[in-house]
């Protein structure tokens, strides 16, 4: 899920030809928004059930990913920024139920060890996911570059993963469970 952080600069610089400075100016507000959403999302998660948060986060990720599957090199950069803001919001909302479910089964004295294990596993899975998506993107691209078709394929694979996350949120998260411990 977090591999989009690498795909956006690759998409902007390699396929569209945007400068590094402009790419950084597009990514900066998105990164600041993510930093602001974490505490807000935490308070929101205490008021809304984990099922609803999981569904909303998955839907936002799906909505933001669908246009990237069909993008061409003639894309408006404002649209890219807006879609990534939606994506970061969905990602932030989706990660709260996952974290709460992961910590629900352990005692409060073991939270620090549980958080360490969860964060380590998230980093490992993010590295593997990024590697797999970039391998798929470069596989169908010409040698030494990443084409728009490769980026489209990487976002299509993410779209499938987000649809699976939506199905899990709908059918496997119990509706009355809340994120409060």
C-alpha atoms as a PDB file:
ATOM      1  CA  UNK A   1       0.000   0.000   0.000  1.00  0.00           C
ATOM      2  CA  UNK A   2       2.755   2.402   0.779  1.00  0.00           C
ATOM      3  CA  UNK A   3       4.594   1.666  -2.447  1.00  0.00           C
ATOM      4  CA  UNK A   4       2.649   4.523  -4.014  1.00  0.00           C
ATOM      5  CA  UNK A   5       5.096   6.860  -2.313  1.00  0.00           C
ATOM      6  CA  UNK A   6       7.725   5.612  -4.738  1.00  0.00           C
ATOM      7  CA  UNK A   7       5.421   5.250  -7.721  1.00  0.00           C
ATOM      8  CA  UNK A   8       4.313   8.898  -7.689  1.00  0.00           C
ATOM      9  CA  UNK A   9       7.789  10.413  -8.229  1.00  0.00           C
ATOM     10  CA  UNK A  10       8.584   7.693 -10.741  1.00  0.00           C
ATOM     11  CA  UNK A  11       5.342   8.423 -12.570  1.00  0.00           C
ATOM     12  CA  UNK A  12       5.909  12.176 -12.566  1.00  0.00           C
ATOM     13  CA  UNK A  13       9.609  12.210 -13.446  1.00  0.00           C
ATOM     14  CA  UNK A  14      10.171   9.186 -15.661  1.00  0.00           C
ATOM     15  CA  UNK A  15       6.936   8.964 -17.592  1.00  0.00           C
ATOM     16  CA  UNK A  16       5.614  12.530 -17.703  1.00  0.00           C
ATOM     17  CA  UNK A  17       8.955  14.345 -17.569  1.00  0.00           C
ATOM     18  CA  UNK A  18       8.224  16.643 -14.618  1.00  0.00           C
ATOM     19  CA  UNK A  19      11.261  18.210 -12.947  1.00  0.00           C
ATOM     20  CA  UNK A  20      12.469  17.054  -9.555  1.00  0.00           C
ATOM     21  CA  UNK A  21      11.597  20.401  -7.961  1.00  0.00           C
ATOM     22  CA  UNK A  22       8.022  20.320  -9.235  1.00  0.00           C
ATOM     23  CA  UNK A  23       7.680  16.700  -8.099  1.00  0.00           C
ATOM     24  CA  UNK A  24       8.828  17.706  -4.623  1.00  0.00           C
ATOM     25  CA  UNK A  25       6.368  20.605  -4.578  1.00  0.00           C
ATOM     26  CA  UNK A  26       3.555  18.196  -5.452  1.00  0.00           C
ATOM     27  CA  UNK A  27       4.570  15.644  -2.816  1.00  0.00           C
ATOM     28  CA  UNK A  28       5.201  18.144   0.025  1.00  0.00           C
ATOM     29  CA  UNK A  29       1.555  19.060   0.771  1.00  0.00           C
ATOM     30  CA  UNK A  30       0.560  15.407   0.488  1.00  0.00           C
ATOM     31  CA  UNK A  31       3.177  14.441   3.059  1.00  0.00           C
ATOM     32  CA  UNK A  32       2.111  17.255   5.388  1.00  0.00           C
ATOM     33  CA  UNK A  33      -1.498  16.116   5.068  1.00  0.00           C
ATOM     34  CA  UNK A  34      -0.506  12.600   6.083  1.00  0.00           C
ATOM     35  CA  UNK A  35       1.188  13.980   9.189  1.00  0.00           C
ATOM     36  CA  UNK A  36      -1.985  15.912  10.059  1.00  0.00           C
ATOM     37  CA  UNK A  37      -4.329  13.002   9.359  1.00  0.00           C
ATOM     38  CA  UNK A  38      -2.736  10.574  11.803  1.00  0.00           C
ATOM     39  CA  UNK A  39      -3.900  12.290  15.027  1.00  0.00           C
ATOM     40  CA  UNK A  40      -7.224  13.294  13.475  1.00  0.00           C
ATOM     41  CA  UNK A  41      -7.773   9.761  12.245  1.00  0.00           C
ATOM     42  CA  UNK A  42      -7.051   8.416  15.706  1.00  0.00           C
ATOM     43  CA  UNK A  43      -9.819  10.534  17.236  1.00  0.00           C
ATOM     44  CA  UNK A  44     -12.134   9.636  14.357  1.00  0.00           C
ATOM     45  CA  UNK A  45     -11.447   5.947  14.891  1.00  0.00           C
ATOM     46  CA  UNK A  46     -12.718   6.127  18.474  1.00  0.00           C
ATOM     47  CA  UNK A  47     -16.118   7.403  17.294  1.00  0.00           C
ATOM     48  CA  UNK A  48     -16.709   5.165  14.272  1.00  0.00           C
ATOM     49  CA  UNK A  49     -16.614   1.369  14.083  1.00  0.00           C
ATOM     50  CA  UNK A  50     -13.565  -0.318  12.619  1.00  0.00           C
ATOM     51  CA  UNK A  51     -15.736  -1.899   9.923  1.00  0.00           C
ATOM     52  CA  UNK A  52     -16.886   1.517   8.654  1.00  0.00           C
ATOM     53  CA  UNK A  53     -13.363   2.932   8.763  1.00  0.00           C
ATOM     54  CA  UNK A  54     -11.999  -0.077   6.857  1.00  0.00           C
ATOM     55  CA  UNK A  55     -14.718   0.212   4.222  1.00  0.00           C
ATOM     56  CA  UNK A  56     -14.256   3.980   3.833  1.00  0.00           C
ATOM     57  CA  UNK A  57     -10.465   3.688   3.617  1.00  0.00           C
ATOM     58  CA  UNK A  58     -10.695   0.906   1.018  1.00  0.00           C
ATOM     59  CA  UNK A  59     -13.214   2.834  -1.073  1.00  0.00           C
ATOM     60  CA  UNK A  60     -11.032   5.953  -1.032  1.00  0.00           C
ATOM     61  CA  UNK A  61      -8.016   3.901  -2.114  1.00  0.00           C
ATOM     62  CA  UNK A  62      -9.999   2.295  -4.937  1.00  0.00           C
ATOM     63  CA  UNK A  63     -11.346   5.677  -6.101  1.00  0.00           C
ATOM     64  CA  UNK A  64      -7.871   7.194  -6.126  1.00  0.00           C
ATOM     65  CA  UNK A  65      -6.287   4.212  -7.879  1.00  0.00           C
ATOM     66  CA  UNK A  66      -8.721   3.728 -10.779  1.00  0.00           C
ATOM     67  CA  UNK A  67      -7.667   6.868 -12.735  1.00  0.00           C
ATOM     68  CA  UNK A  68      -3.973   5.920 -12.489  1.00  0.00           C
ATOM     69  CA  UNK A  69      -4.723   2.684 -14.335  1.00  0.00           C
ATOM     70  CA  UNK A  70      -5.902   4.698 -17.351  1.00  0.00           C
ATOM     71  CA  UNK A  71      -3.582   7.726 -17.239  1.00  0.00           C
ATOM     72  CA  UNK A  72      -1.563   8.812 -20.231  1.00  0.00           C
ATOM     73  CA  UNK A  73       1.377  11.200 -20.366  1.00  0.00           C
ATOM     74  CA  UNK A  74      -1.037  14.111 -20.932  1.00  0.00           C
ATOM     75  CA  UNK A  75      -2.302  14.435 -17.368  1.00  0.00           C
ATOM     76  CA  UNK A  76      -3.110  17.465 -15.263  1.00  0.00           C
ATOM     77  CA  UNK A  77      -0.750  17.676 -12.281  1.00  0.00           C
ATOM     78  CA  UNK A  78      -3.494  19.113 -10.063  1.00  0.00           C
ATOM     79  CA  UNK A  79      -5.533  15.970 -10.687  1.00  0.00           C
ATOM     80  CA  UNK A  80      -2.553  13.823  -9.709  1.00  0.00           C
ATOM     81  CA  UNK A  81      -2.159  15.787  -6.456  1.00  0.00           C
ATOM     82  CA  UNK A  82      -5.879  15.559  -5.631  1.00  0.00           C
ATOM     83  CA  UNK A  83      -5.924  11.811  -6.294  1.00  0.00           C
ATOM     84  CA  UNK A  84      -2.909  11.321  -4.047  1.00  0.00           C
ATOM     85  CA  UNK A  85      -4.550  13.352  -1.283  1.00  0.00           C
ATOM     86  CA  UNK A  86      -7.535  10.993  -1.527  1.00  0.00           C
ATOM     87  CA  UNK A  87      -5.130   8.052  -1.539  1.00  0.00           C
ATOM     88  CA  UNK A  88      -3.281   9.192   1.588  1.00  0.00           C
ATOM     89  CA  UNK A  89      -6.592   9.782   3.377  1.00  0.00           C
ATOM     90  CA  UNK A  90      -7.784   6.290   2.469  1.00  0.00           C
ATOM     91  CA  UNK A  91      -4.481   4.716   3.446  1.00  0.00           C
ATOM     92  CA  UNK A  92      -4.498   6.450   6.813  1.00  0.00           C
ATOM     93  CA  UNK A  93      -8.076   5.355   7.485  1.00  0.00           C
ATOM     94  CA  UNK A  94      -7.421   1.767   6.401  1.00  0.00           C
ATOM     95  CA  UNK A  95      -4.367   1.336   8.611  1.00  0.00           C
ATOM     96  CA  UNK A  96      -6.245   2.202  11.833  1.00  0.00           C
ATOM     97  CA  UNK A  97      -8.469  -0.917  11.868  1.00  0.00           C
ATOM     98  CA  UNK A  98      -5.505  -3.091  10.967  1.00  0.00           C
ATOM     99  CA  UNK A  99      -3.446  -1.709  13.850  1.00  0.00           C
ATOM    100  CA  UNK A 100      -6.345  -1.965  16.302  1.00  0.00           C
ATOM    101  CA  UNK A 101      -7.100  -5.555  15.286  1.00  0.00           C
ATOM    102  CA  UNK A 102      -3.459  -6.484  15.618  1.00  0.00           C
ATOM    103  CA  UNK A 103      -3.217  -5.088  19.142  1.00  0.00           C
ATOM    104  CA  UNK A 104      -6.624  -6.292  20.344  1.00  0.00           C
ATOM    105  CA  UNK A 105      -5.416  -9.783  21.215  1.00  0.00           C
ATOM    106  CA  UNK A 106      -2.501  -8.821  23.447  1.00  0.00           C
ATOM    107  CA  UNK A 107      -2.296  -7.486  26.982  1.00  0.00           C
ATOM    108  CA  UNK A 108      -1.690  -3.779  27.512  1.00  0.00           C
ATOM    109  CA  UNK A 109       1.698  -4.537  29.100  1.00  0.00           C
ATOM    110  CA  UNK A 110       2.864  -6.041  25.818  1.00  0.00           C
ATOM    111  CA  UNK A 111       1.790  -3.171  23.541  1.00  0.00           C
ATOM    112  CA  UNK A 112       5.328  -1.925  22.972  1.00  0.00           C
ATOM    113  CA  UNK A 113       6.519  -5.351  21.815  1.00  0.00           C
ATOM    114  CA  UNK A 114       3.392  -5.742  19.676  1.00  0.00           C
ATOM    115  CA  UNK A 115       3.906  -2.346  18.048  1.00  0.00           C
ATOM    116  CA  UNK A 116       7.543  -3.200  17.355  1.00  0.00           C
ATOM    117  CA  UNK A 117       6.555  -6.435  15.646  1.00  0.00           C
ATOM    118  CA  UNK A 118       3.795  -4.734  13.645  1.00  0.00           C
ATOM    119  CA  UNK A 119       6.079  -1.896  12.502  1.00  0.00           C
ATOM    120  CA  UNK A 120       8.839  -4.318  11.531  1.00  0.00           C
ATOM    121  CA  UNK A 121       6.407  -6.429   9.529  1.00  0.00           C
ATOM    122  CA  UNK A 122       4.916  -3.342   7.848  1.00  0.00           C
ATOM    123  CA  UNK A 123       8.377  -2.240   6.731  1.00  0.00           C
ATOM    124  CA  UNK A 124       9.230  -5.692   5.387  1.00  0.00           C
ATOM    125  CA  UNK A 125       5.932  -6.041   3.517  1.00  0.00           C
ATOM    126  CA  UNK A 126       6.219  -2.471   2.166  1.00  0.00           C
ATOM    127  CA  UNK A 127       9.711  -3.215   0.838  1.00  0.00           C
ATOM    128  CA  UNK A 128       8.560  -6.466  -0.761  1.00  0.00           C
ATOM    129  CA  UNK A 129       5.462  -4.812  -2.221  1.00  0.00           C
ATOM    130  CA  UNK A 130       7.445  -1.921  -3.652  1.00  0.00           C
ATOM    131  CA  UNK A 131       9.954  -4.307  -5.182  1.00  0.00           C
ATOM    132  CA  UNK A 132       7.216  -6.456  -6.706  1.00  0.00           C
ATOM    133  CA  UNK A 133       5.337  -3.473  -8.154  1.00  0.00           C
ATOM    134  CA  UNK A 134       8.482  -1.919  -9.606  1.00  0.00           C
ATOM    135  CA  UNK A 135       9.483  -5.276 -11.071  1.00  0.00           C
ATOM    136  CA  UNK A 136       6.068  -5.543 -12.755  1.00  0.00           C
ATOM    137  CA  UNK A 137       6.288  -1.939 -13.967  1.00  0.00           C
ATOM    138  CA  UNK A 138       9.755  -2.410 -15.435  1.00  0.00           C
ATOM    139  CA  UNK A 139       8.934  -5.837 -16.885  1.00  0.00           C
ATOM    140  CA  UNK A 140       6.605  -4.444 -19.548  1.00  0.00           C
ATOM    141  CA  UNK A 141       8.614  -1.247 -20.075  1.00  0.00           C
ATOM    142  CA  UNK A 142      11.510  -0.804 -22.492  1.00  0.00           C
ATOM    143  CA  UNK A 143      14.948  -1.605 -21.129  1.00  0.00           C
ATOM    144  CA  UNK A 144      16.273   0.946 -18.648  1.00  0.00           C
ATOM    145  CA  UNK A 145      13.081   2.993 -18.341  1.00  0.00           C
ATOM    146  CA  UNK A 146       9.658   2.830 -16.798  1.00  0.00           C
ATOM    147  CA  UNK A 147       6.869   3.525 -19.263  1.00  0.00           C
ATOM    148  CA  UNK A 148       3.360   4.760 -18.626  1.00  0.00           C
ATOM    149  CA  UNK A 149       2.087   1.237 -19.324  1.00  0.00           C
ATOM    150  CA  UNK A 150       4.319  -0.088 -16.548  1.00  0.00           C
ATOM    151  CA  UNK A 151       3.000   2.498 -14.099  1.00  0.00           C
ATOM    152  CA  UNK A 152      -0.560   1.677 -15.186  1.00  0.00           C
ATOM    153  CA  UNK A 153       0.112  -2.011 -14.503  1.00  0.00           C
ATOM    154  CA  UNK A 154       1.524  -1.248 -11.048  1.00  0.00           C
ATOM    155  CA  UNK A 155      -1.580   0.743 -10.163  1.00  0.00           C
ATOM    156  CA  UNK A 156      -3.813  -2.013 -11.553  1.00  0.00           C
ATOM    157  CA  UNK A 157      -2.142  -4.517  -9.231  1.00  0.00           C
ATOM    158  CA  UNK A 158      -2.680  -2.120  -6.329  1.00  0.00           C
ATOM    159  CA  UNK A 159      -6.317  -1.739  -7.374  1.00  0.00           C
ATOM    160  CA  UNK A 160      -6.797  -5.497  -7.077  1.00  0.00           C
ATOM    161  CA  UNK A 161      -5.207  -5.449  -3.608  1.00  0.00           C
ATOM    162  CA  UNK A 162      -7.490  -2.592  -2.512  1.00  0.00           C
ATOM    163  CA  UNK A 163     -10.561  -4.445  -3.768  1.00  0.00           C
ATOM    164  CA  UNK A 164      -9.484  -7.449  -1.693  1.00  0.00           C
ATOM    165  CA  UNK A 165      -9.071  -5.109   1.304  1.00  0.00           C
ATOM    166  CA  UNK A 166     -12.607  -3.814   0.728  1.00  0.00           C
ATOM    167  CA  UNK A 167     -13.971  -7.361   0.633  1.00  0.00           C
ATOM    168  CA  UNK A 168     -12.125  -8.172   3.859  1.00  0.00           C
ATOM    169  CA  UNK A 169     -13.465  -4.995   5.477  1.00  0.00           C
ATOM    170  CA  UNK A 170     -17.033  -5.836   4.493  1.00  0.00           C
ATOM    171  CA  UNK A 171     -17.131  -9.537   5.295  1.00  0.00           C
ATOM    172  CA  UNK A 172     -14.513 -10.217   7.965  1.00  0.00           C
ATOM    173  CA  UNK A 173     -14.629  -7.221  10.317  1.00  0.00           C
ATOM    174  CA  UNK A 174     -17.436  -7.469  12.837  1.00  0.00           C
ATOM    175  CA  UNK A 175     -19.659  -4.356  12.791  1.00  0.00           C
ATOM    176  CA  UNK A 176     -19.950  -3.789  16.539  1.00  0.00           C
ATOM    177  CA  UNK A 177     -16.232  -3.813  17.246  1.00  0.00           C
ATOM    178  CA  UNK A 178     -14.747  -0.430  18.027  1.00  0.00           C
ATOM    179  CA  UNK A 179     -11.115   0.655  17.967  1.00  0.00           C
ATOM    180  CA  UNK A 180     -11.054   1.588  21.628  1.00  0.00           C
ATOM    181  CA  UNK A 181      -9.056  -0.820  23.759  1.00  0.00           C
END
